[in-house]
Each structure stands twice: as C-alpha cells, then as structure tokens.
N, C-alpha and C. Protein backbone atom coordinates (compact mmCIF):
# COMPACT_ATOMS: atom_id res chain seq x y z
N UNK A 1 1.11 -0.93 0.15
CA UNK A 1 0.11 0.17 -0.17
C UNK A 1 0.55 1.63 -0.46
N UNK A 2 0.36 2.33 -0.90
CA UNK A 2 1.52 3.77 -1.04
C UNK A 2 0.19 4.79 -0.18
N UNK A 3 1.12 5.62 0.17
CA UNK A 3 0.11 6.52 1.12
C UNK A 3 1.22 7.80 0.29
N UNK A 4 0.50 8.67 -0.74
CA UNK A 4 0.80 9.70 -0.85
C UNK A 4 2.26 9.48 -1.23
N UNK A 5 2.38 8.59 -2.38
CA UNK A 5 3.83 8.47 -2.87
C UNK A 5 4.71 7.74 -1.63
N UNK A 6 4.19 7.37 -0.53
CA UNK A 6 5.07 6.75 0.33
C UNK A 6 4.68 5.06 0.91
N UNK A 7 5.57 3.94 0.40
CA UNK A 7 5.31 2.78 0.22
C UNK A 7 4.99 2.37 2.09
N UNK A 8 3.65 2.02 2.19
CA UNK A 8 3.81 1.47 3.52
C UNK A 8 3.98 -0.08 3.66
N UNK A 9 3.78 -0.84 2.58
CA UNK A 9 3.30 -2.39 2.68
C UNK A 9 2.73 -2.88 1.93
N UNK A 10 2.16 -4.26 2.61
CA UNK A 10 1.74 -4.73 1.34
C UNK A 10 0.48 -5.28 2.43
N UNK A 11 -1.35 -4.86 1.87
CA UNK A 11 -2.09 -5.52 2.48
C UNK A 11 -2.73 -6.65 2.26
N UNK A 12 -2.85 -7.55 3.14
CA UNK A 12 -3.00 -8.99 3.16
C UNK A 12 -4.89 -8.95 3.51
N UNK A 13 -4.99 -7.94 4.57
CA UNK A 13 -6.58 -8.36 4.62
C UNK A 13 -7.27 -6.87 4.63
N UNK A 14 -8.37 -7.35 5.09
CA UNK A 14 -8.68 -5.43 5.33
C UNK A 14 -8.15 -4.98 6.43
N UNK A 15 -8.10 -5.05 7.45
CA UNK A 15 -7.45 -4.75 8.63
C UNK A 15 -6.20 -4.21 8.43
N UNK A 16 -5.37 -4.78 6.95
CA UNK A 16 -4.05 -3.88 7.18
C UNK A 16 -4.17 -2.81 6.40
N UNK A 17 -5.39 -2.16 5.59
CA UNK A 17 -5.35 -1.73 5.22
C UNK A 17 -5.84 -0.40 6.19
N UNK A 18 -6.75 -0.67 7.02
CA UNK A 18 -7.53 0.24 8.11
C UNK A 18 -5.80 0.24 9.11
N UNK A 19 -5.28 -0.22 9.18
CA UNK A 19 -3.75 0.16 9.73
C UNK A 19 -2.46 0.93 9.17
N UNK A 20 -3.02 0.36 8.10
CA UNK A 20 -2.01 1.60 7.26
C UNK A 20 -2.42 2.80 7.20
N UNK A 21 -3.65 2.82 6.61
CA UNK A 21 -4.11 4.48 6.86
C UNK A 21 -4.18 5.22 8.20
N UNK A 22 -4.50 4.47 9.10
CA UNK A 22 -4.15 4.99 10.85
C UNK A 22 -2.74 5.77 11.07
N UNK A 23 -1.90 4.60 10.19
CA UNK A 23 -0.14 5.43 10.53
C UNK A 23 0.04 6.43 9.83
N UNK A 24 -0.87 6.18 8.66
CA UNK A 24 -0.24 7.91 7.50
C UNK A 24 -1.29 8.77 8.52
N UNK A 25 -1.83 8.95 9.35
CA UNK A 25 -2.57 9.85 10.21
C UNK A 25 -4.31 10.32 9.14
N UNK A 26 -4.65 9.08 8.46
CA UNK A 26 -5.97 8.88 7.55
C UNK A 26 -7.15 8.42 8.77
N UNK A 27 -8.07 8.93 9.06
CA UNK A 27 -9.05 8.32 9.75
C UNK A 27 -9.76 6.96 8.88
N UNK A 28 -9.48 5.97 9.05
CA UNK A 28 -9.85 5.01 8.33
C UNK A 28 -11.60 4.71 8.17
N UNK A 29 -12.52 5.47 8.84
CA UNK A 29 -13.64 5.39 9.27
C UNK A 29 -14.23 6.31 7.62
N UNK A 30 -13.28 7.54 7.28
CA UNK A 30 -13.57 8.53 6.94
C UNK A 30 -13.48 7.96 4.88
N UNK A 31 -12.85 7.10 4.90
CA UNK A 31 -12.34 5.97 3.72
C UNK A 31 -13.25 4.81 3.51
N UNK A 32 -13.51 4.69 2.13
CA UNK A 32 -14.51 3.85 2.06
C UNK A 32 -13.72 2.75 0.59
N UNK A 33 -13.69 1.46 1.36
CA UNK A 33 -12.87 0.03 0.04
C UNK A 33 -13.89 0.53 -1.32
N UNK A 34 -14.91 0.90 -1.20
CA UNK A 34 -15.31 0.71 -2.56
C UNK A 34 -15.04 2.14 -3.26
N UNK A 35 -14.99 3.32 -3.04
CA UNK A 35 -14.51 4.65 -3.43
C UNK A 35 -13.44 4.70 -4.25
N UNK A 36 -13.52 4.45 -5.90
CA UNK A 36 -11.97 4.63 -6.21
C UNK A 36 -11.14 5.91 -6.19
N UNK A 37 -12.12 7.09 -6.14
CA UNK A 37 -11.66 8.35 -5.45
C UNK A 37 -10.33 7.67 -4.18
N UNK A 38 -10.63 7.13 -3.35
CA UNK A 38 -9.94 7.02 -2.37
C UNK A 38 -9.18 6.23 -2.16
N UNK A 39 -9.17 4.67 -2.99
CA UNK A 39 -8.56 3.62 -3.29
C UNK A 39 -8.09 3.36 -4.48
N UNK A 40 -7.23 3.26 -5.25
CA UNK A 40 -6.81 2.31 -6.31
C UNK A 40 -6.67 0.94 -5.98
N UNK A 41 -7.08 0.13 -6.36
CA UNK A 41 -6.90 -1.30 -6.19
C UNK A 41 -5.96 -2.02 -7.15
N UNK A 42 -5.12 -2.34 -6.66
CA UNK A 42 -4.57 -3.23 -7.78
C UNK A 42 -4.08 -4.98 -7.48
N UNK A 43 -4.30 -5.69 -8.57
CA UNK A 43 -4.64 -7.53 -8.01
C UNK A 43 -5.89 -7.61 -7.50
N UNK A 44 -6.42 -6.91 -7.12
CA UNK A 44 -7.66 -7.63 -7.14
C UNK A 44 -9.00 -6.00 -6.73
N UNK A 45 -9.37 -6.41 -5.18
CA UNK A 45 -10.05 -5.39 -5.22
C UNK A 45 -10.62 -5.72 -4.03
N UNK A 46 -11.57 -4.82 -3.01
CA UNK A 46 -12.10 -4.54 -1.92
C UNK A 46 -12.70 -5.81 -1.17
N UNK A 47 -13.03 -6.68 -2.27
CA UNK A 47 -13.48 -8.26 -1.68
C UNK A 47 -12.90 -8.90 -2.21
N UNK A 48 -11.47 -9.01 -2.72
CA UNK A 48 -10.24 -9.93 -2.99
C UNK A 48 -9.18 -10.09 -2.78
N UNK A 49 -8.35 -10.82 -1.80
CA UNK A 49 -7.61 -10.62 -0.70
C UNK A 49 -6.88 -12.07 -1.70
N UNK A 50 -5.47 -12.38 -1.78
CA UNK A 50 -5.06 -13.07 -1.83
C UNK A 50 -3.87 -13.50 -0.42
N UNK A 51 -3.89 -14.82 -0.44
CA UNK A 51 -3.29 -14.88 0.60
C UNK A 51 -1.52 -15.58 0.47
C-alpha cells in the first residue's frame, strides 16, 4: 500500500488497510473501500484478498 507516494507495505486483509491508513494519519472510518477516488486497487479489489 502506498500513501502520498510513500510505500507502507502490502495489505493482506482489510485490517492491514485500516492499520496503514491510521499510521498515515488518515481516519480509516472516513475512507470507503469501494470508493475509486480514495483507493486504487491493484491485483484485486475490496472483496479480493490473496493469501
């Protein structure tokens, strides 16, 4: 996951995205996982998680 061009790591589950957003100072409750203006998904989407 990248926030403002800073790589934070790979999200393997929704909780990882929430953690990364929080660490970046972004309120995860203000971000909808299915909002394409907020999140750009690569290799899946909000309902697809690779193990």
